[in-house]
Amino acid sequence: MGRRYTGTSGKVDDCQVGVFAAYATERGRAQVDGELYLPKSLTGDGERCRAAKIPEGWEFAAEGDLAKAVIARE
């Protein structure tokens, strides 16, 4: 959803970023919850949000804040 550094390509590229919580043990792991990070350039543009079908009233949140929200929901 925007240009930023991504380890997948090893450079600044178009990518999506998600924040995830996972449960892990010696026997395996499972994703428990997650949240898609949306940059200010998108959340601040109502027309782009509507085109991307982002719910009305969605506000920008930094990745650290998203992580706190994901953990708080558990």
PDB file of N, CA and C in Angstrom:
ATOM      1  N   MET A   1       0.812  -1.201   0.000  1.00  0.00           N
ATOM      2  CA  MET A   1       0.000   0.000   0.000  1.00  0.00           C
ATOM      3  C   MET A   1       0.847   1.253   0.000  1.00  0.00           C
ATOM      4  N   GLY A   2       2.103   1.084  -0.249  1.00  0.00           N
ATOM      5  CA  GLY A   2       2.963   2.241  -0.300  1.00  0.00           C
ATOM      6  C   GLY A   2       4.410   1.826  -0.474  1.00  0.00           C
ATOM      7  N   ARG A   3       5.252   2.806  -0.740  1.00  0.00           N
ATOM      8  CA  ARG A   3       6.672   2.526  -0.923  1.00  0.00           C
ATOM      9  C   ARG A   3       7.369   2.637   0.414  1.00  0.00           C
ATOM     10  N   ARG A   4       8.107   1.601   0.763  1.00  0.00           N
ATOM     11  CA  ARG A   4       8.909   1.566   1.978  1.00  0.00           C
ATOM     12  C   ARG A   4       9.887   0.422   1.874  1.00  0.00           C
ATOM     13  N   TYR A   5      10.856   0.394   2.776  1.00  0.00           N
ATOM     14  CA  TYR A   5      11.832  -0.697   2.726  1.00  0.00           C
ATOM     15  C   TYR A   5      11.146  -2.005   3.088  1.00  0.00           C
ATOM     16  N   THR A   6      11.447  -3.041   2.321  1.00  0.00           N
ATOM     17  CA  THR A   6      10.952  -4.373   2.622  1.00  0.00           C
ATOM     18  C   THR A   6      12.101  -5.369   2.493  1.00  0.00           C
ATOM     19  N   GLY A   7      12.250  -6.193   3.502  1.00  0.00           N
ATOM     20  CA  GLY A   7      13.298  -7.198   3.483  1.00  0.00           C
ATOM     21  C   GLY A   7      13.098  -8.235   2.404  1.00  0.00           C
ATOM     22  N   THR A   8      11.867  -8.408   1.943  1.00  0.00           N
ATOM     23  CA  THR A   8      11.583  -9.392   0.893  1.00  0.00           C
ATOM     24  C   THR A   8      12.346  -9.068  -0.381  1.00  0.00           C
ATOM     25  N   SER A   9      12.328  -7.788  -0.769  1.00  0.00           N
ATOM     26  CA  SER A   9      13.059  -7.397  -1.976  1.00  0.00           C
ATOM     27  C   SER A   9      14.419  -6.796  -1.653  1.00  0.00           C
ATOM     28  N   GLY A  10      14.643  -6.427  -0.385  1.00  0.00           N
ATOM     29  CA  GLY A  10      15.910  -5.831   0.017  1.00  0.00           C
ATOM     30  C   GLY A  10      16.082  -4.392  -0.429  1.00  0.00           C
ATOM     31  N   LYS A  11      14.959  -3.729  -0.710  1.00  0.00           N
ATOM     32  CA  LYS A  11      15.029  -2.336  -1.157  1.00  0.00           C
ATOM     33  C   LYS A  11      13.694  -1.651  -0.869  1.00  0.00           C
ATOM     34  N   VAL A  12      13.627  -0.352  -1.169  1.00  0.00           N
ATOM     35  CA  VAL A  12      12.364   0.378  -1.055  1.00  0.00           C
ATOM     36  C   VAL A  12      11.495  -0.048  -2.226  1.00  0.00           C
ATOM     37  N   ASP A  13      10.291  -0.486  -1.921  1.00  0.00           N
ATOM     38  CA  ASP A  13       9.413  -1.034  -2.947  1.00  0.00           C
ATOM     39  C   ASP A  13       7.965  -0.867  -2.504  1.00  0.00           C
ATOM     40  N   ASP A  14       7.012  -1.073  -3.401  1.00  0.00           N
ATOM     41  CA  ASP A  14       5.602  -1.093  -3.014  1.00  0.00           C
ATOM     42  C   ASP A  14       5.353  -2.351  -2.205  1.00  0.00           C
ATOM     43  N   CYS A  15       4.700  -2.196  -1.052  1.00  0.00           N
ATOM     44  CA  CYS A  15       4.436  -3.373  -0.226  1.00  0.00           C
ATOM     45  C   CYS A  15       3.292  -3.085   0.743  1.00  0.00           C
ATOM     46  N   GLN A  16       2.815  -4.127   1.368  1.00  0.00           N
ATOM     47  CA  GLN A  16       1.849  -4.026   2.449  1.00  0.00           C
ATOM     48  C   GLN A  16       2.547  -4.476   3.717  1.00  0.00           C
ATOM     49  N   VAL A  17       2.173  -3.861   4.837  1.00  0.00           N
ATOM     50  CA  VAL A  17       2.777  -4.195   6.119  1.00  0.00           C
ATOM     51  C   VAL A  17       1.670  -4.591   7.075  1.00  0.00           C
ATOM     52  N   GLY A  18       1.877  -5.672   7.786  1.00  0.00           N
ATOM     53  CA  GLY A  18       0.926  -6.120   8.785  1.00  0.00           C
ATOM     54  C   GLY A  18       1.616  -6.305  10.118  1.00  0.00           C
ATOM     55  N   VAL A  19       0.850  -6.164  11.187  1.00  0.00           N
ATOM     56  CA  VAL A  19       1.326  -6.412  12.545  1.00  0.00           C
ATOM     57  C   VAL A  19       0.562  -7.629  13.031  1.00  0.00           C
ATOM     58  N   PHE A  20       1.283  -8.642  13.510  1.00  0.00           N
ATOM     59  CA  PHE A  20       0.649  -9.910  13.863  1.00  0.00           C
ATOM     60  C   PHE A  20       1.024 -10.376  15.255  1.00  0.00           C
ATOM     61  N   ALA A  21       0.117 -11.108  15.888  1.00  0.00           N
ATOM     62  CA  ALA A  21       0.390 -11.792  17.157  1.00  0.00           C
ATOM     63  C   ALA A  21       0.307 -13.284  16.874  1.00  0.00           C
ATOM     64  N   ALA A  22       1.245 -14.020  17.428  1.00  0.00           N
ATOM     65  CA  ALA A  22       1.266 -15.468  17.200  1.00  0.00           C
ATOM     66  C   ALA A  22       1.501 -16.190  18.512  1.00  0.00           C
ATOM     67  N   TYR A  23       0.999 -17.423  18.583  1.00  0.00           N
ATOM     68  CA  TYR A  23       1.219 -18.309  19.719  1.00  0.00           C
ATOM     69  C   TYR A  23       2.215 -19.352  19.254  1.00  0.00           C
ATOM     70  N   ALA A  24       3.307 -19.517  20.002  1.00  0.00           N
ATOM     71  CA  ALA A  24       4.336 -20.455  19.572  1.00  0.00           C
ATOM     72  C   ALA A  24       4.760 -21.369  20.718  1.00  0.00           C
ATOM     73  N   THR A  25       4.921 -22.647  20.405  1.00  0.00           N
ATOM     74  CA  THR A  25       5.430 -23.633  21.348  1.00  0.00           C
ATOM     75  C   THR A  25       6.437 -24.499  20.608  1.00  0.00           C
ATOM     76  N   GLU A  26       7.010 -25.449  21.317  1.00  0.00           N
ATOM     77  CA  GLU A  26       7.937 -26.384  20.675  1.00  0.00           C
ATOM     78  C   GLU A  26       7.237 -27.221  19.608  1.00  0.00           C
ATOM     79  N   ARG A  27       5.946 -27.406  19.745  1.00  0.00           N
ATOM     80  CA  ARG A  27       5.193 -28.259  18.819  1.00  0.00           C
ATOM     81  C   ARG A  27       4.668 -27.523  17.598  1.00  0.00           C
ATOM     82  N   GLY A  28       4.731 -26.207  17.606  1.00  0.00           N
ATOM     83  CA  GLY A  28       4.247 -25.456  16.443  1.00  0.00           C
ATOM     84  C   GLY A  28       3.872 -24.041  16.799  1.00  0.00           C
ATOM     85  N   ARG A  29       3.279 -23.374  15.843  1.00  0.00           N
ATOM     86  CA  ARG A  29       2.881 -21.988  16.032  1.00  0.00           C
ATOM     87  C   ARG A  29       1.604 -21.710  15.247  1.00  0.00           C
ATOM     88  N   ALA A  30       0.905 -20.660  15.680  1.00  0.00           N
ATOM     89  CA  ALA A  30      -0.332 -20.278  15.000  1.00  0.00           C
ATOM     90  C   ALA A  30      -0.512 -18.772  15.108  1.00  0.00           C
ATOM     91  N   GLN A  31      -0.928 -18.171  14.020  1.00  0.00           N
ATOM     92  CA  GLN A  31      -1.244 -16.744  14.052  1.00  0.00           C
ATOM     93  C   GLN A  31      -2.551 -16.569  14.800  1.00  0.00           C
ATOM     94  N   VAL A  32      -2.562 -15.652  15.756  1.00  0.00           N
ATOM     95  CA  VAL A  32      -3.726 -15.443  16.601  1.00  0.00           C
ATOM     96  C   VAL A  32      -4.545 -14.241  16.141  1.00  0.00           C
ATOM     97  N   ASP A  33      -3.858 -13.174  15.758  1.00  0.00           N
ATOM     98  CA  ASP A  33      -4.551 -11.948  15.383  1.00  0.00           C
ATOM     99  C   ASP A  33      -3.602 -11.093  14.541  1.00  0.00           C
ATOM    100  N   GLY A  34      -4.140 -10.114  13.881  1.00  0.00           N
ATOM    101  CA  GLY A  34      -3.312  -9.232  13.079  1.00  0.00           C
ATOM    102  C   GLY A  34      -4.070  -7.993  12.663  1.00  0.00           C
ATOM    103  N   GLU A  35      -3.321  -7.024  12.199  1.00  0.00           N
ATOM    104  CA  GLU A  35      -3.897  -5.751  11.781  1.00  0.00           C
ATOM    105  C   GLU A  35      -3.064  -5.228  10.617  1.00  0.00           C
ATOM    106  N   LEU A  36      -3.703  -4.741   9.597  1.00  0.00           N
ATOM    107  CA  LEU A  36      -3.009  -4.169   8.448  1.00  0.00           C
ATOM    108  C   LEU A  36      -2.614  -2.730   8.759  1.00  0.00           C
ATOM    109  N   TYR A  37      -1.342  -2.412   8.531  1.00  0.00           N
ATOM    110  CA  TYR A  37      -0.852  -1.051   8.714  1.00  0.00           C
ATOM    111  C   TYR A  37      -1.230  -0.239   7.483  1.00  0.00           C
ATOM    112  N   LEU A  38      -1.843   0.906   7.697  1.00  0.00           N
ATOM    113  CA  LEU A  38      -2.207   1.810   6.614  1.00  0.00           C
ATOM    114  C   LEU A  38      -1.469   3.134   6.821  1.00  0.00           C
ATOM    115  N   PRO A  39      -0.669   3.571   5.849  1.00  0.00           N
ATOM    116  CA  PRO A  39       0.118   4.797   6.008  1.00  0.00           C
ATOM    117  C   PRO A  39      -0.755   6.055   6.043  1.00  0.00           C
ATOM    118  N   LYS A  40      -0.198   7.122   6.624  1.00  0.00           N
ATOM    119  CA  LYS A  40      -0.914   8.402   6.702  1.00  0.00           C
ATOM    120  C   LYS A  40      -1.330   8.890   5.326  1.00  0.00           C
ATOM    121  N   SER A  41      -0.491   8.628   4.316  1.00  0.00           N
ATOM    122  CA  SER A  41      -0.811   9.101   2.966  1.00  0.00           C
ATOM    123  C   SER A  41      -2.109   8.480   2.450  1.00  0.00           C
ATOM    124  N   LEU A  42      -2.469   7.318   2.955  1.00  0.00           N
ATOM    125  CA  LEU A  42      -3.720   6.674   2.556  1.00  0.00           C
ATOM    126  C   LEU A  42      -4.860   7.075   3.483  1.00  0.00           C
ATOM    127  N   THR A  43      -4.644   6.970   4.803  1.00  0.00           N
ATOM    128  CA  THR A  43      -5.734   7.257   5.734  1.00  0.00           C
ATOM    129  C   THR A  43      -6.144   8.719   5.722  1.00  0.00           C
ATOM    130  N   GLY A  44      -5.250   9.597   5.255  1.00  0.00           N
ATOM    131  CA  GLY A  44      -5.576  11.015   5.184  1.00  0.00           C
ATOM    132  C   GLY A  44      -6.275  11.423   3.899  1.00  0.00           C
ATOM    133  N   ASP A  45      -6.533  10.470   3.015  1.00  0.00           N
ATOM    134  CA  ASP A  45      -7.141  10.751   1.711  1.00  0.00           C
ATOM    135  C   ASP A  45      -8.461   9.992   1.603  1.00  0.00           C
ATOM    136  N   GLY A  46      -9.558  10.686   1.892  1.00  0.00           N
ATOM    137  CA  GLY A  46     -10.875  10.053   1.907  1.00  0.00           C
ATOM    138  C   GLY A  46     -11.246   9.358   0.607  1.00  0.00           C
ATOM    139  N   GLU A  47     -10.888   9.960  -0.524  1.00  0.00           N
ATOM    140  CA  GLU A  47     -11.225   9.367  -1.820  1.00  0.00           C
ATOM    141  C   GLU A  47     -10.493   8.034  -2.018  1.00  0.00           C
ATOM    142  N   ARG A  48      -9.208   7.995  -1.676  1.00  0.00           N
ATOM    143  CA  ARG A  48      -8.441   6.745  -1.801  1.00  0.00           C
ATOM    144  C   ARG A  48      -8.971   5.685  -0.840  1.00  0.00           C
ATOM    145  N   CYS A  49      -9.360   6.102   0.378  1.00  0.00           N
ATOM    146  CA  CYS A  49      -9.914   5.150   1.351  1.00  0.00           C
ATOM    147  C   CYS A  49     -11.200   4.530   0.821  1.00  0.00           C
ATOM    148  N   ARG A  50     -12.071   5.347   0.246  1.00  0.00           N
ATOM    149  CA  ARG A  50     -13.326   4.814  -0.313  1.00  0.00           C
ATOM    150  C   ARG A  50     -13.032   3.855  -1.467  1.00  0.00           C
ATOM    151  N   ALA A  51     -12.078   4.217  -2.327  1.00  0.00           N
ATOM    152  CA  ALA A  51     -11.719   3.363  -3.456  1.00  0.00           C
ATOM    153  C   ALA A  51     -11.136   2.033  -2.983  1.00  0.00           C
ATOM    154  N   ALA A  52     -10.415   2.058  -1.855  1.00  0.00           N
ATOM    155  CA  ALA A  52      -9.810   0.841  -1.308  1.00  0.00           C
ATOM    156  C   ALA A  52     -10.764   0.096  -0.371  1.00  0.00           C
ATOM    157  N   LYS A  53     -11.991   0.635  -0.211  1.00  0.00           N
ATOM    158  CA  LYS A  53     -13.026   0.050   0.646  1.00  0.00           C
ATOM    159  C   LYS A  53     -12.588  -0.052   2.109  1.00  0.00           C
ATOM    160  N   ILE A  54     -11.864   0.979   2.551  1.00  0.00           N
ATOM    161  CA  ILE A  54     -11.478   1.078   3.954  1.00  0.00           C
ATOM    162  C   ILE A  54     -12.664   1.680   4.696  1.00  0.00           C
ATOM    163  N   PRO A  55     -13.081   1.080   5.809  1.00  0.00           N
ATOM    164  CA  PRO A  55     -14.263   1.566   6.529  1.00  0.00           C
ATOM    165  C   PRO A  55     -14.166   3.040   6.909  1.00  0.00           C
ATOM    166  N   GLU A  56     -15.286   3.723   6.855  1.00  0.00           N
ATOM    167  CA  GLU A  56     -15.375   5.139   7.230  1.00  0.00           C
ATOM    168  C   GLU A  56     -14.880   5.320   8.660  1.00  0.00           C
ATOM    169  N   GLY A  57     -14.118   6.372   8.896  1.00  0.00           N
ATOM    170  CA  GLY A  57     -13.647   6.674  10.238  1.00  0.00           C
ATOM    171  C   GLY A  57     -12.336   5.998  10.618  1.00  0.00           C
ATOM    172  N   TRP A  58     -11.764   5.192   9.712  1.00  0.00           N
ATOM    173  CA  TRP A  58     -10.488   4.531   9.991  1.00  0.00           C
ATOM    174  C   TRP A  58      -9.420   5.594  10.123  1.00  0.00           C
ATOM    175  N   GLU A  59      -8.615   5.519  11.170  1.00  0.00           N
ATOM    176  CA  GLU A  59      -7.591   6.527  11.405  1.00  0.00           C
ATOM    177  C   GLU A  59      -6.198   5.906  11.371  1.00  0.00           C
ATOM    178  N   PHE A  60      -5.211   6.724  11.068  1.00  0.00           N
ATOM    179  CA  PHE A  60      -3.826   6.274  11.062  1.00  0.00           C
ATOM    180  C   PHE A  60      -3.412   5.812  12.452  1.00  0.00           C
ATOM    181  N   ALA A  61      -2.646   4.729  12.497  1.00  0.00           N
ATOM    182  CA  ALA A  61      -2.030   4.250  13.741  1.00  0.00           C
ATOM    183  C   ALA A  61      -0.628   3.757  13.405  1.00  0.00           C
ATOM    184  N   ALA A  62       0.350   4.163  14.192  1.00  0.00           N
ATOM    185  CA  ALA A  62       1.727   3.709  14.002  1.00  0.00           C
ATOM    186  C   ALA A  62       1.803   2.206  14.254  1.00  0.00           C
ATOM    187  N   GLU A  63       2.816   1.559  13.704  1.00  0.00           N
ATOM    188  CA  GLU A  63       2.947   0.108  13.849  1.00  0.00           C
ATOM    189  C   GLU A  63       3.008  -0.313  15.313  1.00  0.00           C
ATOM    190  N   GLY A  64       3.708   0.441  16.146  1.00  0.00           N
ATOM    191  CA  GLY A  64       3.781   0.112  17.574  1.00  0.00           C
ATOM    192  C   GLY A  64       2.427   0.178  18.240  1.00  0.00           C
ATOM    193  N   ASP A  65       1.624   1.172  17.864  1.00  0.00           N
ATOM    194  CA  ASP A  65       0.270   1.298  18.417  1.00  0.00           C
ATOM    195  C   ASP A  65      -0.624   0.139  17.952  1.00  0.00           C
ATOM    196  N   LEU A  66      -0.441  -0.284  16.704  1.00  0.00           N
ATOM    197  CA  LEU A  66      -1.201  -1.432  16.209  1.00  0.00           C
ATOM    198  C   LEU A  66      -0.839  -2.692  17.007  1.00  0.00           C
ATOM    199  N   ALA A  67       0.460  -2.857  17.288  1.00  0.00           N
ATOM    200  CA  ALA A  67       0.899  -4.019  18.070  1.00  0.00           C
ATOM    201  C   ALA A  67       0.255  -4.006  19.458  1.00  0.00           C
ATOM    202  N   LYS A  68       0.225  -2.850  20.087  1.00  0.00           N
ATOM    203  CA  LYS A  68      -0.409  -2.738  21.417  1.00  0.00           C
ATOM    204  C   LYS A  68      -1.889  -3.094  21.334  1.00  0.00           C
ATOM    205  N   ALA A  69      -2.572  -2.650  20.289  1.00  0.00           N
ATOM    206  CA  ALA A  69      -4.003  -2.932  20.138  1.00  0.00           C
ATOM    207  C   ALA A  69      -4.239  -4.430  19.910  1.00  0.00           C
ATOM    208  N   VAL A  70      -3.393  -5.061  19.099  1.00  0.00           N
ATOM    209  CA  VAL A  70      -3.533  -6.492  18.845  1.00  0.00           C
ATOM    210  C   VAL A  70      -3.352  -7.275  20.151  1.00  0.00           C
ATOM    211  N   ILE A  71      -2.339  -6.921  20.936  1.00  0.00           N
ATOM    212  CA  ILE A  71      -2.086  -7.606  22.199  1.00  0.00           C
ATOM    213  C   ILE A  71      -3.231  -7.371  23.186  1.00  0.00           C
ATOM    214  N   ALA A  72      -3.766  -6.152  23.228  1.00  0.00           N
ATOM    215  CA  ALA A  72      -4.849  -5.821  24.147  1.00  0.00           C
ATOM    216  C   ALA A  72      -6.126  -6.603  23.834  1.00  0.00           C
ATOM    217  N   ARG A  73      -6.325  -6.980  22.577  1.00  0.00           N
ATOM    218  CA  ARG A  73      -7.524  -7.730  22.203  1.00  0.00           C
ATOM    219  C   ARG A  73      -7.468  -9.173  22.686  1.00  0.00           C
ATOM    220  N   GLU A  74      -6.283  -9.663  22.986  1.00  0.00           N
ATOM    221  CA  GLU A  74      -6.131 -11.068  23.370  1.00  0.00           C
ATOM    222  C   GLU A  74      -6.645 -11.335  24.746  1.00  0.00           C
TER     223      GLU A  74
END
